[in-house]
Amino acid sequence: MHAITIEEPGGPEALVWTEVPDPVAGEGEVLVDVAASAVNRADVLQRQGFYDPPPGASPYPGLECSGRISALGPGVSGWAVGDEVCALLAGGGYAERVAVPVGQLLPVPAGVDLVTAAALPEVVCTVWSNVFMVAGLRPGETLLVHGGSSGIGTMAIQLAKAVGARVAVTAGGPEKLARCKELGADVLIDYREQDFVAEVREATGGDGADVILDIMGAKYLARNLDALAVNGRLAVIGLQGGVKAELDLGALLAKRAAITATSLRARPLEEKAAIVAAVREHVWPLVAAGRVKPVVHGSFPMWEAPEAHRTLESSAHVGKLLLTT
């Protein structure tokens, strides 16, 4: 088969479409013929040499895929060769085939085509696990999403609205904010021109956001704490703004607030399986009903992964970028 390999860390040109050995489905795994994968910020970090795959994972980039099952490993039941699936991966999506632990498989939801389904697993599992399973967003509460026009952001807006929450977003420029509004965002904040702390406080009558989904990390830590409501929850899922910052514990105590920081890739298989099962139970019916939809900016042939990475790093997109075999 062919896969995107990274011989030396570097820029987009480090991604090379290469012939490599076929994967083999091990105990509790299935082999999937990949129809599409999706581009994530984690893939860029891996390409740059800053985010190695966990031990035992495929060395190729790609944290999600869609395709058809072509083989079942020992001990697998409940799935059949030919089933159309999408999957959460620890790596290997940028390839023609990938071995997937059975607990990380999802059926392609009704109303979504096979290629587009590749845009779902990583964002849905990330949003559902952080915003709902950890932060416990409830109907009537306010969620602030940083990067509202990203793949994560576009999914967070829709899921929060589906459960009856109010959504504030930050994004860069009126065009991206307009797309967020189309998806249901209630409060639109241009981070280039506006102070999100002041805007969130004004929109909530001074209370602040009950939950904040943050991709920036250190750069936004103090301001996120300012923007939190009493009993608020800050979920950090990205470090685009750095890894180290000072934290005012007095302010955290005064608000009785909580800060969590998580990633999906290195979690044990049983934790990933629990998240995938929760997504299938709670989110797949919303997708099948058309209340939540994957947002895809565009697609590239798999061997044009360098161009897809350039597009992602330009931040000119809204939603997800796909790679197709």
C-alpha atoms as a PDB file:
ATOM      1  CA  MET A   1       0.000   0.000   0.000  1.00  0.00           C
ATOM      2  CA  HIS A   2       0.945   3.686  -0.007  1.00  0.00           C
ATOM      3  CA  ALA A   3       1.042   6.063   2.949  1.00  0.00           C
ATOM      4  CA  ILE A   4       2.221   9.554   3.781  1.00  0.00           C
ATOM      5  CA  THR A   5       5.581   9.204   5.516  1.00  0.00           C
ATOM      6  CA  ILE A   6       7.771  11.711   7.345  1.00  0.00           C
ATOM      7  CA  GLU A   7      11.438  10.934   6.776  1.00  0.00           C
ATOM      8  CA  GLU A   8      12.666  14.092   8.512  1.00  0.00           C
ATOM      9  CA  PRO A   9      10.595  16.636  10.497  1.00  0.00           C
ATOM     10  CA  GLY A  10       9.996  19.871   8.663  1.00  0.00           C
ATOM     11  CA  GLY A  11       7.564  21.850   6.572  1.00  0.00           C
ATOM     12  CA  PRO A  12       4.722  20.491   4.439  1.00  0.00           C
ATOM     13  CA  GLU A  13       7.250  19.167   1.926  1.00  0.00           C
ATOM     14  CA  ALA A  14       8.309  16.601   4.565  1.00  0.00           C
ATOM     15  CA  LEU A  15       5.097  14.678   3.795  1.00  0.00           C
ATOM     16  CA  VAL A  16       5.903  12.078   1.137  1.00  0.00           C
ATOM     17  CA  TRP A  17       3.542   9.553  -0.521  1.00  0.00           C
ATOM     18  CA  THR A  18       5.525   6.316  -0.252  1.00  0.00           C
ATOM     19  CA  GLU A  19       5.029   2.598  -0.750  1.00  0.00           C
ATOM     20  CA  VAL A  20       5.052   0.872   2.649  1.00  0.00           C
ATOM     21  CA  PRO A  21       4.162  -2.572   4.058  1.00  0.00           C
ATOM     22  CA  ASP A  22       0.491  -3.379   4.529  1.00  0.00           C
ATOM     23  CA  PRO A  23      -0.769  -3.319   8.130  1.00  0.00           C
ATOM     24  CA  VAL A  24      -2.116  -6.494   9.711  1.00  0.00           C
ATOM     25  CA  ALA A  25      -5.219  -6.659  11.904  1.00  0.00           C
ATOM     26  CA  GLY A  26      -4.155  -7.900  15.336  1.00  0.00           C
ATOM     27  CA  GLU A  27      -6.197  -9.215  18.241  1.00  0.00           C
ATOM     28  CA  GLY A  28      -9.344  -7.116  18.607  1.00  0.00           C
ATOM     29  CA  GLU A  29      -8.637  -5.075  15.474  1.00  0.00           C
ATOM     30  CA  VAL A  30     -10.086  -4.709  11.993  1.00  0.00           C
ATOM     31  CA  LEU A  31      -8.366  -3.692   8.785  1.00  0.00           C
ATOM     32  CA  VAL A  32      -9.981  -0.728   7.038  1.00  0.00           C
ATOM     33  CA  ASP A  33      -9.482   0.234   3.395  1.00  0.00           C
ATOM     34  CA  VAL A  34      -9.333   3.996   3.768  1.00  0.00           C
ATOM     35  CA  ALA A  35     -11.660   6.172   1.706  1.00  0.00           C
ATOM     36  CA  ALA A  36     -10.659   9.411   3.405  1.00  0.00           C
ATOM     37  CA  SER A  37      -8.806  10.881   6.354  1.00  0.00           C
ATOM     38  CA  ALA A  38      -8.871  14.403   7.785  1.00  0.00           C
ATOM     39  CA  VAL A  39      -6.200  16.965   8.609  1.00  0.00           C
ATOM     40  CA  ASN A  40      -5.778  18.013  12.242  1.00  0.00           C
ATOM     41  CA  ARG A  41      -3.414  20.378  14.067  1.00  0.00           C
ATOM     42  CA  ALA A  42      -1.881  17.334  15.735  1.00  0.00           C
ATOM     43  CA  ASP A  43      -0.776  16.119  12.290  1.00  0.00           C
ATOM     44  CA  VAL A  44       1.086  19.386  11.761  1.00  0.00           C
ATOM     45  CA  LEU A  45       2.841  18.987  15.104  1.00  0.00           C
ATOM     46  CA  GLN A  46       3.813  15.417  14.218  1.00  0.00           C
ATOM     47  CA  ARG A  47       5.184  16.586  10.874  1.00  0.00           C
ATOM     48  CA  GLN A  48       7.251  19.216  12.674  1.00  0.00           C
ATOM     49  CA  GLY A  49       8.675  16.653  15.095  1.00  0.00           C
ATOM     50  CA  PHE A  50       6.802  17.829  18.199  1.00  0.00           C
ATOM     51  CA  TYR A  51       4.132  15.138  18.632  1.00  0.00           C
ATOM     52  CA  ASP A  52       5.254  11.559  18.192  1.00  0.00           C
ATOM     53  CA  PRO A  53       2.676   8.767  17.990  1.00  0.00           C
ATOM     54  CA  PRO A  54       2.185   6.770  21.198  1.00  0.00           C
ATOM     55  CA  PRO A  55       4.076   3.479  21.510  1.00  0.00           C
ATOM     56  CA  GLY A  56       2.701   0.795  19.222  1.00  0.00           C
ATOM     57  CA  ALA A  57       0.727   3.200  17.037  1.00  0.00           C
ATOM     58  CA  SER A  58       1.190   3.621  13.303  1.00  0.00           C
ATOM     59  CA  PRO A  59       4.056   6.021  12.472  1.00  0.00           C
ATOM     60  CA  TYR A  60       2.009   7.725   9.756  1.00  0.00           C
ATOM     61  CA  PRO A  61      -0.087  10.848  10.465  1.00  0.00           C
ATOM     62  CA  GLY A  62      -3.868  10.789  10.576  1.00  0.00           C
ATOM     63  CA  LEU A  63      -6.072  10.647  13.672  1.00  0.00           C
ATOM     64  CA  GLU A  64      -9.325   9.654  11.940  1.00  0.00           C
ATOM     65  CA  CYS A  65     -10.541   7.973   8.806  1.00  0.00           C
ATOM     66  CA  SER A  66     -13.501   6.512   6.970  1.00  0.00           C
ATOM     67  CA  GLY A  67     -13.608   3.449   4.770  1.00  0.00           C
ATOM     68  CA  ARG A  68     -14.698  -0.176   4.453  1.00  0.00           C
ATOM     69  CA  ILE A  69     -13.670  -3.102   6.609  1.00  0.00           C
ATOM     70  CA  SER A  70     -11.534  -5.495   4.562  1.00  0.00           C
ATOM     71  CA  ALA A  71     -10.461  -7.993   7.249  1.00  0.00           C
ATOM     72  CA  LEU A  72     -11.297  -8.955  10.820  1.00  0.00           C
ATOM     73  CA  GLY A  73      -8.603  -9.738  13.352  1.00  0.00           C
ATOM     74  CA  PRO A  74      -8.878 -12.488  15.989  1.00  0.00           C
ATOM     75  CA  GLY A  75     -11.547 -11.950  18.613  1.00  0.00           C
ATOM     76  CA  VAL A  76     -13.620  -9.440  16.647  1.00  0.00           C
ATOM     77  CA  SER A  77     -17.403  -9.756  16.590  1.00  0.00           C
ATOM     78  CA  GLY A  78     -20.270  -7.456  15.690  1.00  0.00           C
ATOM     79  CA  TRP A  79     -18.631  -6.213  12.470  1.00  0.00           C
ATOM     80  CA  ALA A  80     -18.343  -7.735   8.995  1.00  0.00           C
ATOM     81  CA  VAL A  81     -16.114  -7.364   5.956  1.00  0.00           C
ATOM     82  CA  GLY A  82     -17.616  -4.683   3.734  1.00  0.00           C
ATOM     83  CA  ASP A  83     -19.112  -2.605   6.570  1.00  0.00           C
ATOM     84  CA  GLU A  84     -18.775   1.150   5.992  1.00  0.00           C
ATOM     85  CA  VAL A  85     -17.179   2.728   9.049  1.00  0.00           C
ATOM     86  CA  CYS A  86     -15.355   5.737  10.395  1.00  0.00           C
ATOM     87  CA  ALA A  87     -12.795   5.497  13.150  1.00  0.00           C
ATOM     88  CA  LEU A  88     -10.804   7.326  15.798  1.00  0.00           C
ATOM     89  CA  LEU A  89      -7.093   6.559  15.368  1.00  0.00           C
ATOM     90  CA  ALA A  90      -3.829   7.002  17.252  1.00  0.00           C
ATOM     91  CA  GLY A  91      -2.179   7.351  13.819  1.00  0.00           C
ATOM     92  CA  GLY A  92      -2.152   5.900  10.342  1.00  0.00           C
ATOM     93  CA  GLY A  93      -5.069   7.659   8.668  1.00  0.00           C
ATOM     94  CA  TYR A  94      -2.899   9.118   5.888  1.00  0.00           C
ATOM     95  CA  ALA A  95      -2.685   5.733   4.173  1.00  0.00           C
ATOM     96  CA  GLU A  96      -4.579   3.338   1.929  1.00  0.00           C
ATOM     97  CA  ARG A  97      -5.186   0.894   4.807  1.00  0.00           C
ATOM     98  CA  VAL A  98      -5.087   1.068   8.581  1.00  0.00           C
ATOM     99  CA  ALA A  99      -5.586  -1.348  11.469  1.00  0.00           C
ATOM    100  CA  VAL A 100      -8.161  -0.086  13.969  1.00  0.00           C
ATOM    101  CA  PRO A 101      -9.022  -1.310  17.493  1.00  0.00           C
ATOM    102  CA  VAL A 102     -12.625  -2.441  17.338  1.00  0.00           C
ATOM    103  CA  GLY A 103     -13.631  -0.138  20.214  1.00  0.00           C
ATOM    104  CA  GLN A 104     -12.720   2.890  18.100  1.00  0.00           C
ATOM    105  CA  LEU A 105     -15.003   2.020  15.191  1.00  0.00           C
ATOM    106  CA  LEU A 106     -18.247   3.795  14.408  1.00  0.00           C
ATOM    107  CA  PRO A 107     -20.767   3.027  11.672  1.00  0.00           C
ATOM    108  CA  VAL A 108     -21.105   5.751   9.058  1.00  0.00           C
ATOM    109  CA  PRO A 109     -24.149   7.668  10.324  1.00  0.00           C
ATOM    110  CA  ALA A 110     -27.304   7.862   8.271  1.00  0.00           C
ATOM    111  CA  GLY A 111     -27.354  10.812   5.891  1.00  0.00           C
ATOM    112  CA  VAL A 112     -23.556  11.141   5.672  1.00  0.00           C
ATOM    113  CA  ASP A 113     -21.564   9.852   2.699  1.00  0.00           C
ATOM    114  CA  LEU A 114     -18.527   7.658   3.223  1.00  0.00           C
ATOM    115  CA  VAL A 115     -15.884  10.301   2.429  1.00  0.00           C
ATOM    116  CA  THR A 116     -17.490  13.056   4.513  1.00  0.00           C
ATOM    117  CA  ALA A 117     -17.717  10.696   7.489  1.00  0.00           C
ATOM    118  CA  ALA A 118     -13.932  11.052   7.868  1.00  0.00           C
ATOM    119  CA  ALA A 119     -14.574  14.563   9.204  1.00  0.00           C
ATOM    120  CA  LEU A 120     -16.439  13.269  12.252  1.00  0.00           C
ATOM    121  CA  PRO A 121     -14.534  10.954  14.647  1.00  0.00           C
ATOM    122  CA  GLU A 122     -11.783  13.198  16.041  1.00  0.00           C
ATOM    123  CA  VAL A 123     -13.856  16.359  16.424  1.00  0.00           C
ATOM    124  CA  VAL A 124     -16.945  14.649  17.798  1.00  0.00           C
ATOM    125  CA  CYS A 125     -14.984  12.565  20.298  1.00  0.00           C
ATOM    126  CA  THR A 126     -12.955  15.601  21.369  1.00  0.00           C
ATOM    127  CA  VAL A 127     -15.980  17.866  21.838  1.00  0.00           C
ATOM    128  CA  TRP A 128     -18.236  15.291  23.475  1.00  0.00           C
ATOM    129  CA  SER A 129     -15.584  14.053  25.916  1.00  0.00           C
ATOM    130  CA  ASN A 130     -14.443  17.525  26.981  1.00  0.00           C
ATOM    131  CA  VAL A 131     -17.557  19.701  26.825  1.00  0.00           C
ATOM    132  CA  PHE A 132     -20.084  17.137  28.015  1.00  0.00           C
ATOM    133  CA  MET A 133     -18.394  14.169  29.725  1.00  0.00           C
ATOM    134  CA  VAL A 134     -15.801  16.260  31.626  1.00  0.00           C
ATOM    135  CA  ALA A 135     -17.118  19.843  31.782  1.00  0.00           C
ATOM    136  CA  GLY A 136     -20.753  18.776  32.024  1.00  0.00           C
ATOM    137  CA  LEU A 137     -22.357  21.499  29.880  1.00  0.00           C
ATOM    138  CA  ARG A 138     -26.063  21.672  30.682  1.00  0.00           C
ATOM    139  CA  PRO A 139     -29.103  23.180  28.951  1.00  0.00           C
ATOM    140  CA  GLY A 140     -29.361  26.909  29.569  1.00  0.00           C
ATOM    141  CA  GLU A 141     -25.646  27.346  30.274  1.00  0.00           C
ATOM    142  CA  THR A 142     -23.243  29.433  28.167  1.00  0.00           C
ATOM    143  CA  LEU A 143     -20.356  27.826  26.277  1.00  0.00           C
ATOM    144  CA  LEU A 144     -17.477  29.941  24.942  1.00  0.00           C
ATOM    145  CA  VAL A 145     -15.649  28.284  22.034  1.00  0.00           C
ATOM    146  CA  HIS A 146     -12.281  29.637  20.957  1.00  0.00           C
ATOM    147  CA  GLY A 147     -11.661  29.061  17.264  1.00  0.00           C
ATOM    148  CA  GLY A 148     -15.332  28.744  16.437  1.00  0.00           C
ATOM    149  CA  SER A 149     -14.706  28.287  12.698  1.00  0.00           C
ATOM    150  CA  SER A 150     -12.308  25.363  13.132  1.00  0.00           C
ATOM    151  CA  GLY A 151     -13.306  21.723  12.819  1.00  0.00           C
ATOM    152  CA  ILE A 152     -13.574  21.477  16.602  1.00  0.00           C
ATOM    153  CA  GLY A 153     -15.378  24.790  16.838  1.00  0.00           C
ATOM    154  CA  THR A 154     -17.998  24.108  14.181  1.00  0.00           C
ATOM    155  CA  MET A 155     -18.869  20.825  15.895  1.00  0.00           C
ATOM    156  CA  ALA A 156     -18.916  22.353  19.388  1.00  0.00           C
ATOM    157  CA  ILE A 157     -21.375  25.034  18.279  1.00  0.00           C
ATOM    158  CA  GLN A 158     -23.802  22.487  16.876  1.00  0.00           C
ATOM    159  CA  LEU A 159     -23.643  20.022  19.759  1.00  0.00           C
ATOM    160  CA  ALA A 160     -24.049  22.741  22.377  1.00  0.00           C
ATOM    161  CA  LYS A 161     -27.067  24.180  20.588  1.00  0.00           C
ATOM    162  CA  ALA A 162     -28.545  20.697  20.204  1.00  0.00           C
ATOM    163  CA  VAL A 163     -28.606  20.268  23.990  1.00  0.00           C
ATOM    164  CA  GLY A 164     -30.055  23.724  24.616  1.00  0.00           C
ATOM    165  CA  ALA A 165     -26.994  25.747  25.583  1.00  0.00           C
ATOM    166  CA  ARG A 166     -26.100  29.285  24.534  1.00  0.00           C
ATOM    167  CA  VAL A 167     -22.897  29.597  22.478  1.00  0.00           C
ATOM    168  CA  ALA A 168     -20.340  32.384  22.228  1.00  0.00           C
ATOM    169  CA  VAL A 169     -17.458  32.050  19.781  1.00  0.00           C
ATOM    170  CA  THR A 170     -14.216  33.771  18.918  1.00  0.00           C
ATOM    171  CA  ALA A 171     -12.980  33.769  15.315  1.00  0.00           C
ATOM    172  CA  GLY A 172     -10.881  35.947  13.050  1.00  0.00           C
ATOM    173  CA  GLY A 173     -12.944  38.197  10.823  1.00  0.00           C
ATOM    174  CA  PRO A 174     -16.562  38.736   9.775  1.00  0.00           C
ATOM    175  CA  GLU A 175     -16.688  35.916   7.207  1.00  0.00           C
ATOM    176  CA  LYS A 176     -15.733  33.243   9.716  1.00  0.00           C
ATOM    177  CA  LEU A 177     -18.089  34.697  12.312  1.00  0.00           C
ATOM    178  CA  ALA A 178     -20.901  34.650   9.758  1.00  0.00           C
ATOM    179  CA  ARG A 179     -20.361  30.909   9.245  1.00  0.00           C
ATOM    180  CA  CYS A 180     -20.445  30.409  13.024  1.00  0.00           C
ATOM    181  CA  LYS A 181     -23.745  32.283  13.166  1.00  0.00           C
ATOM    182  CA  GLU A 182     -25.166  30.021  10.447  1.00  0.00           C
ATOM    183  CA  LEU A 183     -24.335  27.041  12.653  1.00  0.00           C
ATOM    184  CA  GLY A 184     -26.170  28.569  15.607  1.00  0.00           C
ATOM    185  CA  ALA A 185     -23.653  30.699  17.521  1.00  0.00           C
ATOM    186  CA  ASP A 186     -25.397  33.384  19.583  1.00  0.00           C
ATOM    187  CA  VAL A 187     -22.492  35.682  20.510  1.00  0.00           C
ATOM    188  CA  LEU A 188     -19.909  36.499  17.820  1.00  0.00           C
ATOM    189  CA  ILE A 189     -16.510  37.866  18.884  1.00  0.00           C
ATOM    190  CA  ASP A 190     -13.757  38.917  16.474  1.00  0.00           C
ATOM    191  CA  TYR A 191     -10.635  38.216  18.514  1.00  0.00           C
ATOM    192  CA  ARG A 192      -8.655  40.604  16.305  1.00  0.00           C
ATOM    193  CA  GLU A 193     -10.858  43.564  17.176  1.00  0.00           C
ATOM    194  CA  GLN A 194     -12.681  42.731  20.417  1.00  0.00           C
ATOM    195  CA  ASP A 195     -11.877  41.689  23.992  1.00  0.00           C
ATOM    196  CA  PHE A 196     -13.572  38.338  24.485  1.00  0.00           C
ATOM    197  CA  VAL A 197     -13.680  38.779  28.268  1.00  0.00           C
ATOM    198  CA  ALA A 198     -15.652  42.022  28.009  1.00  0.00           C
ATOM    199  CA  GLU A 199     -17.906  40.672  25.261  1.00  0.00           C
ATOM    200  CA  VAL A 200     -18.778  37.488  27.173  1.00  0.00           C
ATOM    201  CA  ARG A 201     -19.490  39.413  30.375  1.00  0.00           C
ATOM    202  CA  GLU A 202     -21.746  41.845  28.511  1.00  0.00           C
ATOM    203  CA  ALA A 203     -23.602  39.018  26.773  1.00  0.00           C
ATOM    204  CA  THR A 204     -24.197  37.179  30.060  1.00  0.00           C
ATOM    205  CA  GLY A 205     -25.181  40.133  32.219  1.00  0.00           C
ATOM    206  CA  GLY A 206     -21.810  40.051  33.971  1.00  0.00           C
ATOM    207  CA  ASP A 207     -21.962  36.352  34.851  1.00  0.00           C
ATOM    208  CA  GLY A 208     -19.417  34.926  32.395  1.00  0.00           C
ATOM    209  CA  ALA A 209     -19.247  31.613  30.540  1.00  0.00           C
ATOM    210  CA  ASP A 210     -20.142  28.406  32.342  1.00  0.00           C
ATOM    211  CA  VAL A 211     -17.836  26.336  30.105  1.00  0.00           C
ATOM    212  CA  ILE A 212     -14.918  27.447  27.922  1.00  0.00           C
ATOM    213  CA  LEU A 213     -13.399  25.191  25.255  1.00  0.00           C
ATOM    214  CA  ASP A 214      -9.870  26.480  24.696  1.00  0.00           C
ATOM    215  CA  ILE A 215      -7.287  25.695  22.017  1.00  0.00           C
ATOM    216  CA  MET A 216      -4.796  28.428  22.958  1.00  0.00           C
ATOM    217  CA  GLY A 217      -3.404  27.317  26.305  1.00  0.00           C
ATOM    218  CA  ALA A 218      -0.986  29.667  28.061  1.00  0.00           C
ATOM    219  CA  LYS A 219      -1.788  32.844  26.090  1.00  0.00           C
ATOM    220  CA  TYR A 220      -5.452  32.791  27.113  1.00  0.00           C
ATOM    221  CA  LEU A 221      -5.222  31.235  30.585  1.00  0.00           C
ATOM    222  CA  ALA A 222      -5.609  34.394  32.707  1.00  0.00           C
ATOM    223  CA  ARG A 223      -8.268  35.900  30.435  1.00  0.00           C
ATOM    224  CA  ASN A 224     -10.195  32.639  30.303  1.00  0.00           C
ATOM    225  CA  LEU A 225     -10.314  32.625  34.102  1.00  0.00           C
ATOM    226  CA  ASP A 226     -11.621  36.204  33.998  1.00  0.00           C
ATOM    227  CA  ALA A 227     -14.294  35.162  31.515  1.00  0.00           C
ATOM    228  CA  LEU A 228     -15.490  32.168  33.567  1.00  0.00           C
ATOM    229  CA  ALA A 229     -18.669  32.297  35.609  1.00  0.00           C
ATOM    230  CA  VAL A 230     -18.836  31.164  39.221  1.00  0.00           C
ATOM    231  CA  ASN A 231     -18.621  27.336  39.157  1.00  0.00           C
ATOM    232  CA  GLY A 232     -17.281  27.619  35.615  1.00  0.00           C
ATOM    233  CA  ARG A 233     -15.234  24.948  33.875  1.00  0.00           C
ATOM    234  CA  LEU A 234     -12.293  25.603  31.547  1.00  0.00           C
ATOM    235  CA  ALA A 235     -11.391  22.721  29.199  1.00  0.00           C
ATOM    236  CA  VAL A 236      -7.977  23.139  27.575  1.00  0.00           C
ATOM    237  CA  ILE A 237      -7.484  20.972  24.475  1.00  0.00           C
ATOM    238  CA  GLY A 238      -4.756  22.864  22.593  1.00  0.00           C
ATOM    239  CA  LEU A 239      -1.545  24.783  23.164  1.00  0.00           C
ATOM    240  CA  GLN A 240      -1.379  27.068  20.143  1.00  0.00           C
ATOM    241  CA  GLY A 241      -0.625  29.977  22.478  1.00  0.00           C
ATOM    242  CA  GLY A 242       2.118  28.301  24.505  1.00  0.00           C
ATOM    243  CA  VAL A 243       2.523  25.880  27.381  1.00  0.00           C
ATOM    244  CA  LYS A 244       3.506  27.978  30.413  1.00  0.00           C
ATOM    245  CA  ALA A 245       1.561  30.721  32.206  1.00  0.00           C
ATOM    246  CA  GLU A 246       0.928  31.995  35.719  1.00  0.00           C
ATOM    247  CA  LEU A 247      -2.366  31.076  37.357  1.00  0.00           C
ATOM    248  CA  ASP A 248      -4.108  33.161  40.014  1.00  0.00           C
ATOM    249  CA  LEU A 249      -5.281  30.437  42.374  1.00  0.00           C
ATOM    250  CA  GLY A 250      -7.121  33.014  44.464  1.00  0.00           C
ATOM    251  CA  ALA A 251      -9.309  33.907  41.500  1.00  0.00           C
ATOM    252  CA  LEU A 252      -9.855  30.225  40.772  1.00  0.00           C
ATOM    253  CA  LEU A 253     -10.929  29.595  44.376  1.00  0.00           C
ATOM    254  CA  ALA A 254     -13.177  32.653  44.447  1.00  0.00           C
ATOM    255  CA  LYS A 255     -15.049  31.365  41.408  1.00  0.00           C
ATOM    256  CA  ARG A 256     -15.038  27.754  42.618  1.00  0.00           C
ATOM    257  CA  ALA A 257     -13.915  27.019  39.066  1.00  0.00           C
ATOM    258  CA  ALA A 258     -12.181  24.010  37.536  1.00  0.00           C
ATOM    259  CA  ILE A 259      -9.533  23.660  34.835  1.00  0.00           C
ATOM    260  CA  THR A 260      -8.980  20.425  32.921  1.00  0.00           C
ATOM    261  CA  ALA A 261      -6.533  19.625  30.147  1.00  0.00           C
ATOM    262  CA  THR A 262      -6.899  16.525  27.993  1.00  0.00           C
ATOM    263  CA  SER A 263      -5.834  14.882  24.757  1.00  0.00           C
ATOM    264  CA  LEU A 264      -7.284  11.847  23.011  1.00  0.00           C
ATOM    265  CA  ARG A 265      -4.350  10.293  21.205  1.00  0.00           C
ATOM    266  CA  ALA A 266      -2.436   8.736  24.096  1.00  0.00           C
ATOM    267  CA  ARG A 267      -5.421   7.588  26.149  1.00  0.00           C
ATOM    268  CA  PRO A 268      -5.718   3.872  26.942  1.00  0.00           C
ATOM    269  CA  LEU A 269      -7.856   1.829  24.552  1.00  0.00           C
ATOM    270  CA  GLU A 270     -10.609   1.360  27.132  1.00  0.00           C
ATOM    271  CA  GLU A 271     -10.963   5.128  27.645  1.00  0.00           C
ATOM    272  CA  LYS A 272     -11.171   5.756  23.914  1.00  0.00           C
ATOM    273  CA  ALA A 273     -13.718   2.962  23.566  1.00  0.00           C
ATOM    274  CA  ALA A 274     -15.873   4.520  26.307  1.00  0.00           C
ATOM    275  CA  ILE A 275     -15.802   7.897  24.532  1.00  0.00           C
ATOM    276  CA  VAL A 276     -16.633   6.323  21.162  1.00  0.00           C
ATOM    277  CA  ALA A 277     -19.530   4.406  22.726  1.00  0.00           C
ATOM    278  CA  ALA A 278     -20.885   7.616  24.270  1.00  0.00           C
ATOM    279  CA  VAL A 279     -20.630   9.377  20.908  1.00  0.00           C
ATOM    280  CA  ARG A 280     -22.507   6.578  19.183  1.00  0.00           C
ATOM    281  CA  GLU A 281     -25.253   6.740  21.818  1.00  0.00           C
ATOM    282  CA  HIS A 282     -25.657  10.493  22.145  1.00  0.00           C
ATOM    283  CA  VAL A 283     -24.328  12.150  18.973  1.00  0.00           C
ATOM    284  CA  TRP A 284     -25.029   9.713  16.134  1.00  0.00           C
ATOM    285  CA  PRO A 285     -28.829  10.125  16.510  1.00  0.00           C
ATOM    286  CA  LEU A 286     -28.369  13.911  16.193  1.00  0.00           C
ATOM    287  CA  VAL A 287     -26.311  13.437  13.023  1.00  0.00           C
ATOM    288  CA  ALA A 288     -28.841  10.986  11.578  1.00  0.00           C
ATOM    289  CA  ALA A 289     -31.625  13.503  12.286  1.00  0.00           C
ATOM    290  CA  GLY A 290     -29.712  16.273  10.519  1.00  0.00           C
ATOM    291  CA  ARG A 291     -29.399  18.389  13.663  1.00  0.00           C
ATOM    292  CA  VAL A 292     -25.603  18.091  13.636  1.00  0.00           C
ATOM    293  CA  LYS A 293     -23.605  18.023  10.403  1.00  0.00           C
ATOM    294  CA  PRO A 294     -19.911  17.708   9.559  1.00  0.00           C
ATOM    295  CA  VAL A 295     -18.541  20.957   8.148  1.00  0.00           C
ATOM    296  CA  VAL A 296     -16.031  20.319   5.354  1.00  0.00           C
ATOM    297  CA  HIS A 297     -14.050  23.132   3.755  1.00  0.00           C
ATOM    298  CA  GLY A 298     -12.629  20.993   0.965  1.00  0.00           C
ATOM    299  CA  SER A 299     -10.682  17.868   0.063  1.00  0.00           C
ATOM    300  CA  PHE A 300      -7.349  16.928  -1.491  1.00  0.00           C
ATOM    301  CA  PRO A 301      -6.021  13.657  -2.897  1.00  0.00           C
ATOM    302  CA  MET A 302      -4.013  11.905  -0.190  1.00  0.00           C
ATOM    303  CA  TRP A 303      -0.734  12.456  -2.064  1.00  0.00           C
ATOM    304  CA  GLU A 304      -1.404  16.213  -1.948  1.00  0.00           C
ATOM    305  CA  ALA A 305      -1.190  16.214   1.862  1.00  0.00           C
ATOM    306  CA  PRO A 306       1.496  18.951   1.747  1.00  0.00           C
ATOM    307  CA  GLU A 307      -0.972  21.354   0.127  1.00  0.00           C
ATOM    308  CA  ALA A 308      -3.658  20.413   2.651  1.00  0.00           C
ATOM    309  CA  HIS A 309      -1.244  21.224   5.475  1.00  0.00           C
ATOM    310  CA  ARG A 310      -0.427  24.580   3.905  1.00  0.00           C
ATOM    311  CA  THR A 311      -4.133  25.381   3.779  1.00  0.00           C
ATOM    312  CA  LEU A 312      -4.614  24.381   7.418  1.00  0.00           C
ATOM    313  CA  GLU A 313      -1.651  26.471   8.565  1.00  0.00           C
ATOM    314  CA  SER A 314      -2.925  29.495   6.623  1.00  0.00           C
ATOM    315  CA  SER A 315      -6.129  29.381   8.714  1.00  0.00           C
ATOM    316  CA  ALA A 316      -8.073  30.255   5.576  1.00  0.00           C
ATOM    317  CA  HIS A 317     -10.507  27.386   6.045  1.00  0.00           C
ATOM    318  CA  VAL A 318     -13.769  26.850   7.924  1.00  0.00           C
ATOM    319  CA  GLY A 319     -14.401  23.368   9.252  1.00  0.00           C
ATOM    320  CA  LYS A 320     -12.431  20.300   8.194  1.00  0.00           C
ATOM    321  CA  LEU A 321      -9.990  19.506   5.403  1.00  0.00           C
ATOM    322  CA  LEU A 322     -10.147  15.964   4.001  1.00  0.00           C
ATOM    323  CA  LEU A 323      -7.636  13.721   2.255  1.00  0.00           C
ATOM    324  CA  THR A 324      -9.044  11.089  -0.121  1.00  0.00           C
ATOM    325  CA  THR A 325      -7.443   7.919  -1.480  1.00  0.00           C
END
